[in-house]
Amino acid sequence: MQLEAGTYIGTREAAAMLGVSPALLRLWRSEGRGPESVKLGGTVVYRESTVKAYAEKHCG
């Protein structure tokens, strides 16, 4: 798999950007909701620009 260019952030950083807890973001991910994520090895990361776009659209 090839990653798109950009800055990638972890679950804690993404949750902070969205104003939710990391646990809620993990729940959303398990339900197929929230911003798109990518798994690198055993680590889930989010493209920063995707999280920002999601926040603008869904978090006001």
PDB file of N, CA and C in Angstrom:
ATOM      1  N   MET A   1       0.843  -1.170   0.000  1.00  0.00           N
ATOM      2  CA  MET A   1       0.000   0.000   0.000  1.00  0.00           C
ATOM      3  C   MET A   1       0.891   1.237   0.000  1.00  0.00           C
ATOM      4  N   GLN A   2       0.515   2.215  -0.771  1.00  0.00           N
ATOM      5  CA  GLN A   2       1.263   3.468  -0.832  1.00  0.00           C
ATOM      6  C   GLN A   2       0.450   4.562  -0.139  1.00  0.00           C
ATOM      7  N   LEU A   3       1.094   5.279   0.778  1.00  0.00           N
ATOM      8  CA  LEU A   3       0.421   6.357   1.496  1.00  0.00           C
ATOM      9  C   LEU A   3       0.440   7.634   0.682  1.00  0.00           C
ATOM     10  N   GLU A   4      -0.627   8.412   0.821  1.00  0.00           N
ATOM     11  CA  GLU A   4      -0.666   9.733   0.200  1.00  0.00           C
ATOM     12  C   GLU A   4       0.296  10.648   0.948  1.00  0.00           C
ATOM     13  N   ALA A   5       0.810  11.619   0.257  1.00  0.00           N
ATOM     14  CA  ALA A   5       1.702  12.586   0.891  1.00  0.00           C
ATOM     15  C   ALA A   5       0.924  13.405   1.908  1.00  0.00           C
ATOM     16  N   GLY A   6       1.607  13.847   2.917  1.00  0.00           N
ATOM     17  CA  GLY A   6       0.974  14.680   3.931  1.00  0.00           C
ATOM     18  C   GLY A   6       1.444  14.287   5.312  1.00  0.00           C
ATOM     19  N   THR A   7       0.927  14.976   6.287  1.00  0.00           N
ATOM     20  CA  THR A   7       1.279  14.722   7.673  1.00  0.00           C
ATOM     21  C   THR A   7       0.276  13.748   8.271  1.00  0.00           C
ATOM     22  N   TYR A   8       0.787  12.741   8.958  1.00  0.00           N
ATOM     23  CA  TYR A   8      -0.058  11.754   9.611  1.00  0.00           C
ATOM     24  C   TYR A   8       0.044  11.925  11.118  1.00  0.00           C
ATOM     25  N   ILE A   9      -1.091  11.758  11.801  1.00  0.00           N
ATOM     26  CA  ILE A   9      -1.149  11.932  13.248  1.00  0.00           C
ATOM     27  C   ILE A   9      -1.778  10.699  13.879  1.00  0.00           C
ATOM     28  N   GLY A  10      -1.525  10.520  15.164  1.00  0.00           N
ATOM     29  CA  GLY A  10      -2.072   9.387  15.894  1.00  0.00           C
ATOM     30  C   GLY A  10      -3.482   9.636  16.387  1.00  0.00           C
ATOM     31  N   THR A  11      -4.026   8.630  17.034  1.00  0.00           N
ATOM     32  CA  THR A  11      -5.399   8.689  17.535  1.00  0.00           C
ATOM     33  C   THR A  11      -5.584   9.818  18.546  1.00  0.00           C
ATOM     34  N   ARG A  12      -4.639   9.973  19.476  1.00  0.00           N
ATOM     35  CA  ARG A  12      -4.784  11.035  20.487  1.00  0.00           C
ATOM     36  C   ARG A  12      -4.832  12.421  19.855  1.00  0.00           C
ATOM     37  N   GLU A  13      -3.945  12.654  18.889  1.00  0.00           N
ATOM     38  CA  GLU A  13      -3.907  13.959  18.231  1.00  0.00           C
ATOM     39  C   GLU A  13      -5.175  14.201  17.415  1.00  0.00           C
ATOM     40  N   ALA A  14      -5.624  13.161  16.704  1.00  0.00           N
ATOM     41  CA  ALA A  14      -6.840  13.295  15.897  1.00  0.00           C
ATOM     42  C   ALA A  14      -8.047  13.553  16.791  1.00  0.00           C
ATOM     43  N   ALA A  15      -8.138  12.830  17.901  1.00  0.00           N
ATOM     44  CA  ALA A  15      -9.256  13.021  18.828  1.00  0.00           C
ATOM     45  C   ALA A  15      -9.260  14.447  19.375  1.00  0.00           C
ATOM     46  N   ALA A  16      -8.085  14.963  19.721  1.00  0.00           N
ATOM     47  CA  ALA A  16      -7.994  16.338  20.234  1.00  0.00           C
ATOM     48  C   ALA A  16      -8.466  17.337  19.185  1.00  0.00           C
ATOM     49  N   MET A  17      -8.113  17.116  17.927  1.00  0.00           N
ATOM     50  CA  MET A  17      -8.539  18.019  16.858  1.00  0.00           C
ATOM     51  C   MET A  17     -10.061  18.004  16.700  1.00  0.00           C
ATOM     52  N   LEU A  18     -10.666  16.852  16.964  1.00  0.00           N
ATOM     53  CA  LEU A  18     -12.112  16.705  16.803  1.00  0.00           C
ATOM     54  C   LEU A  18     -12.879  17.059  18.076  1.00  0.00           C
ATOM     55  N   GLY A  19     -12.169  17.237  19.180  1.00  0.00           N
ATOM     56  CA  GLY A  19     -12.826  17.556  20.433  1.00  0.00           C
ATOM     57  C   GLY A  19     -13.531  16.367  21.060  1.00  0.00           C
ATOM     58  N   VAL A  20     -13.031  15.164  20.808  1.00  0.00           N
ATOM     59  CA  VAL A  20     -13.604  13.944  21.377  1.00  0.00           C
ATOM     60  C   VAL A  20     -12.495  13.168  22.078  1.00  0.00           C
ATOM     61  N   SER A  21     -12.863  12.158  22.829  1.00  0.00           N
ATOM     62  CA  SER A  21     -11.865  11.334  23.501  1.00  0.00           C
ATOM     63  C   SER A  21     -11.284  10.318  22.520  1.00  0.00           C
ATOM     64  N   PRO A  22     -10.058   9.856  22.777  1.00  0.00           N
ATOM     65  CA  PRO A  22      -9.500   8.795  21.939  1.00  0.00           C
ATOM     66  C   PRO A  22     -10.382   7.544  21.926  1.00  0.00           C
ATOM     67  N   ALA A  23     -11.016   7.248  23.065  1.00  0.00           N
ATOM     68  CA  ALA A  23     -11.896   6.073  23.124  1.00  0.00           C
ATOM     69  C   ALA A  23     -13.079   6.222  22.171  1.00  0.00           C
ATOM     70  N   LEU A  24     -13.660   7.418  22.109  1.00  0.00           N
ATOM     71  CA  LEU A  24     -14.781   7.636  21.191  1.00  0.00           C
ATOM     72  C   LEU A  24     -14.315   7.527  19.739  1.00  0.00           C
ATOM     73  N   LEU A  25     -13.149   8.056  19.444  1.00  0.00           N
ATOM     74  CA  LEU A  25     -12.633   7.953  18.082  1.00  0.00           C
ATOM     75  C   LEU A  25     -12.391   6.488  17.710  1.00  0.00           C
ATOM     76  N   ARG A  26     -11.879   5.687  18.641  1.00  0.00           N
ATOM     77  CA  ARG A  26     -11.695   4.250  18.382  1.00  0.00           C
ATOM     78  C   ARG A  26     -13.038   3.566  18.157  1.00  0.00           C
ATOM     79  N   LEU A  27     -14.056   3.954  18.930  1.00  0.00           N
ATOM     80  CA  LEU A  27     -15.393   3.388  18.744  1.00  0.00           C
ATOM     81  C   LEU A  27     -15.922   3.731  17.359  1.00  0.00           C
ATOM     82  N   TRP A  28     -15.803   5.004  16.979  1.00  0.00           N
ATOM     83  CA  TRP A  28     -16.235   5.401  15.633  1.00  0.00           C
ATOM     84  C   TRP A  28     -15.538   4.564  14.573  1.00  0.00           C
ATOM     85  N   ARG A  29     -14.237   4.371  14.733  1.00  0.00           N
ATOM     86  CA  ARG A  29     -13.467   3.596  13.746  1.00  0.00           C
ATOM     87  C   ARG A  29     -14.005   2.171  13.654  1.00  0.00           C
ATOM     88  N   SER A  30     -14.314   1.562  14.796  1.00  0.00           N
ATOM     89  CA  SER A  30     -14.831   0.188  14.797  1.00  0.00           C
ATOM     90  C   SER A  30     -16.211   0.098  14.151  1.00  0.00           C
ATOM     91  N   GLU A  31     -16.949   1.199  14.184  1.00  0.00           N
ATOM     92  CA  GLU A  31     -18.282   1.244  13.585  1.00  0.00           C
ATOM     93  C   GLU A  31     -18.267   1.741  12.139  1.00  0.00           C
ATOM     94  N   GLY A  32     -17.071   2.051  11.631  1.00  0.00           N
ATOM     95  CA  GLY A  32     -16.975   2.542  10.259  1.00  0.00           C
ATOM     96  C   GLY A  32     -17.341   4.004  10.124  1.00  0.00           C
ATOM     97  N   ARG A  33     -17.273   4.750  11.234  1.00  0.00           N
ATOM     98  CA  ARG A  33     -17.594   6.178  11.235  1.00  0.00           C
ATOM     99  C   ARG A  33     -16.314   6.972  11.444  1.00  0.00           C
ATOM    100  N   GLY A  34     -16.458   8.286  11.436  1.00  0.00           N
ATOM    101  CA  GLY A  34     -15.310   9.154  11.696  1.00  0.00           C
ATOM    102  C   GLY A  34     -14.425   9.322  10.484  1.00  0.00           C
ATOM    103  N   PRO A  35     -13.320  10.041  10.662  1.00  0.00           N
ATOM    104  CA  PRO A  35     -12.405  10.274   9.538  1.00  0.00           C
ATOM    105  C   PRO A  35     -11.694   8.982   9.134  1.00  0.00           C
ATOM    106  N   GLU A  36     -11.320   8.906   7.878  1.00  0.00           N
ATOM    107  CA  GLU A  36     -10.623   7.734   7.351  1.00  0.00           C
ATOM    108  C   GLU A  36      -9.278   7.559   8.063  1.00  0.00           C
ATOM    109  N   SER A  37      -8.970   6.321   8.393  1.00  0.00           N
ATOM    110  CA  SER A  37      -7.702   6.006   9.041  1.00  0.00           C
ATOM    111  C   SER A  37      -6.937   4.980   8.226  1.00  0.00           C
ATOM    112  N   VAL A  38      -5.648   4.860   8.550  1.00  0.00           N
ATOM    113  CA  VAL A  38      -4.767   3.895   7.888  1.00  0.00           C
ATOM    114  C   VAL A  38      -4.016   3.164   8.984  1.00  0.00           C
ATOM    115  N   LYS A  39      -3.828   1.874   8.838  1.00  0.00           N
ATOM    116  CA  LYS A  39      -3.064   1.116   9.811  1.00  0.00           C
ATOM    117  C   LYS A  39      -1.665   0.860   9.266  1.00  0.00           C
ATOM    118  N   LEU A  40      -0.665   1.322   9.997  1.00  0.00           N
ATOM    119  CA  LEU A  40       0.739   1.120   9.641  1.00  0.00           C
ATOM    120  C   LEU A  40       1.335   0.174  10.661  1.00  0.00           C
ATOM    121  N   GLY A  41       1.572  -1.051  10.260  1.00  0.00           N
ATOM    122  CA  GLY A  41       2.013  -2.039  11.236  1.00  0.00           C
ATOM    123  C   GLY A  41       0.897  -2.220  12.245  1.00  0.00           C
ATOM    124  N   GLY A  42       1.165  -1.948  13.507  1.00  0.00           N
ATOM    125  CA  GLY A  42       0.142  -2.049  14.532  1.00  0.00           C
ATOM    126  C   GLY A  42      -0.397  -0.702  14.963  1.00  0.00           C
ATOM    127  N   THR A  43      -0.053   0.352  14.253  1.00  0.00           N
ATOM    128  CA  THR A  43      -0.438   1.706  14.653  1.00  0.00           C
ATOM    129  C   THR A  43      -1.453   2.296  13.684  1.00  0.00           C
ATOM    130  N   VAL A  44      -2.524   2.838  14.237  1.00  0.00           N
ATOM    131  CA  VAL A  44      -3.530   3.525  13.423  1.00  0.00           C
ATOM    132  C   VAL A  44      -3.139   4.995  13.332  1.00  0.00           C
ATOM    133  N   VAL A  45      -3.141   5.521  12.125  1.00  0.00           N
ATOM    134  CA  VAL A  45      -2.837   6.932  11.914  1.00  0.00           C
ATOM    135  C   VAL A  45      -3.910   7.553  11.028  1.00  0.00           C
ATOM    136  N   TYR A  46      -3.981   8.870  11.108  1.00  0.00           N
ATOM    137  CA  TYR A  46      -4.940   9.648  10.335  1.00  0.00           C
ATOM    138  C   TYR A  46      -4.175  10.708   9.564  1.00  0.00           C
ATOM    139  N   ARG A  47      -4.596  10.954   8.351  1.00  0.00           N
ATOM    140  CA  ARG A  47      -4.005  12.053   7.592  1.00  0.00           C
ATOM    141  C   ARG A  47      -4.561  13.349   8.186  1.00  0.00           C
ATOM    142  N   GLU A  48      -3.686  14.250   8.571  1.00  0.00           N
ATOM    143  CA  GLU A  48      -4.103  15.472   9.250  1.00  0.00           C
ATOM    144  C   GLU A  48      -5.136  16.257   8.450  1.00  0.00           C
ATOM    145  N   SER A  49      -4.942  16.373   7.159  1.00  0.00           N
ATOM    146  CA  SER A  49      -5.890  17.129   6.330  1.00  0.00           C
ATOM    147  C   SER A  49      -7.264  16.464   6.290  1.00  0.00           C
ATOM    148  N   THR A  50      -7.307  15.133   6.379  1.00  0.00           N
ATOM    149  CA  THR A  50      -8.581  14.409   6.401  1.00  0.00           C
ATOM    150  C   THR A  50      -9.324  14.677   7.703  1.00  0.00           C
ATOM    151  N   VAL A  51      -8.580  14.718   8.814  1.00  0.00           N
ATOM    152  CA  VAL A  51      -9.197  15.005  10.108  1.00  0.00           C
ATOM    153  C   VAL A  51      -9.736  16.433  10.127  1.00  0.00           C
ATOM    154  N   LYS A  52      -8.967  17.375   9.593  1.00  0.00           N
ATOM    155  CA  LYS A  52      -9.424  18.770   9.540  1.00  0.00           C
ATOM    156  C   LYS A  52     -10.697  18.885   8.710  1.00  0.00           C
ATOM    157  N   ALA A  53     -10.733  18.236   7.564  1.00  0.00           N
ATOM    158  CA  ALA A  53     -11.923  18.286   6.700  1.00  0.00           C
ATOM    159  C   ALA A  53     -13.125  17.657   7.398  1.00  0.00           C
ATOM    160  N   TYR A  54     -12.912  16.544   8.092  1.00  0.00           N
ATOM    161  CA  TYR A  54     -13.981  15.897   8.818  1.00  0.00           C
ATOM    162  C   TYR A  54     -14.507  16.816   9.910  1.00  0.00           C
ATOM    163  N   ALA A  55     -13.613  17.456  10.640  1.00  0.00           N
ATOM    164  CA  ALA A  55     -14.008  18.370  11.707  1.00  0.00           C
ATOM    165  C   ALA A  55     -14.834  19.529  11.166  1.00  0.00           C
ATOM    166  N   GLU A  56     -14.428  20.091  10.041  1.00  0.00           N
ATOM    167  CA  GLU A  56     -15.172  21.205   9.454  1.00  0.00           C
ATOM    168  C   GLU A  56     -16.578  20.784   9.028  1.00  0.00           C
ATOM    169  N   LYS A  57     -16.685  19.576   8.510  1.00  0.00           N
ATOM    170  CA  LYS A  57     -17.970  19.101   8.000  1.00  0.00           C
ATOM    171  C   LYS A  57     -18.903  18.621   9.115  1.00  0.00           C
ATOM    172  N   HIS A  58     -18.348  17.953  10.132  1.00  0.00           N
ATOM    173  CA  HIS A  58     -19.187  17.298  11.130  1.00  0.00           C
ATOM    174  C   HIS A  58     -19.161  17.918  12.517  1.00  0.00           C
ATOM    175  N   CYS A  59     -18.192  18.744  12.796  1.00  0.00           N
ATOM    176  CA  CYS A  59     -18.053  19.267  14.157  1.00  0.00           C
ATOM    177  C   CYS A  59     -18.269  20.781  14.222  1.00  0.00           C
ATOM    178  N   GLY A  60     -18.841  21.316  13.210  1.00  0.00           N
ATOM    179  CA  GLY A  60     -19.230  22.708  13.250  1.00  0.00           C
ATOM    180  C   GLY A  60     -18.279  23.645  12.655  1.00  0.00           C
TER     181      GLY A  60
END
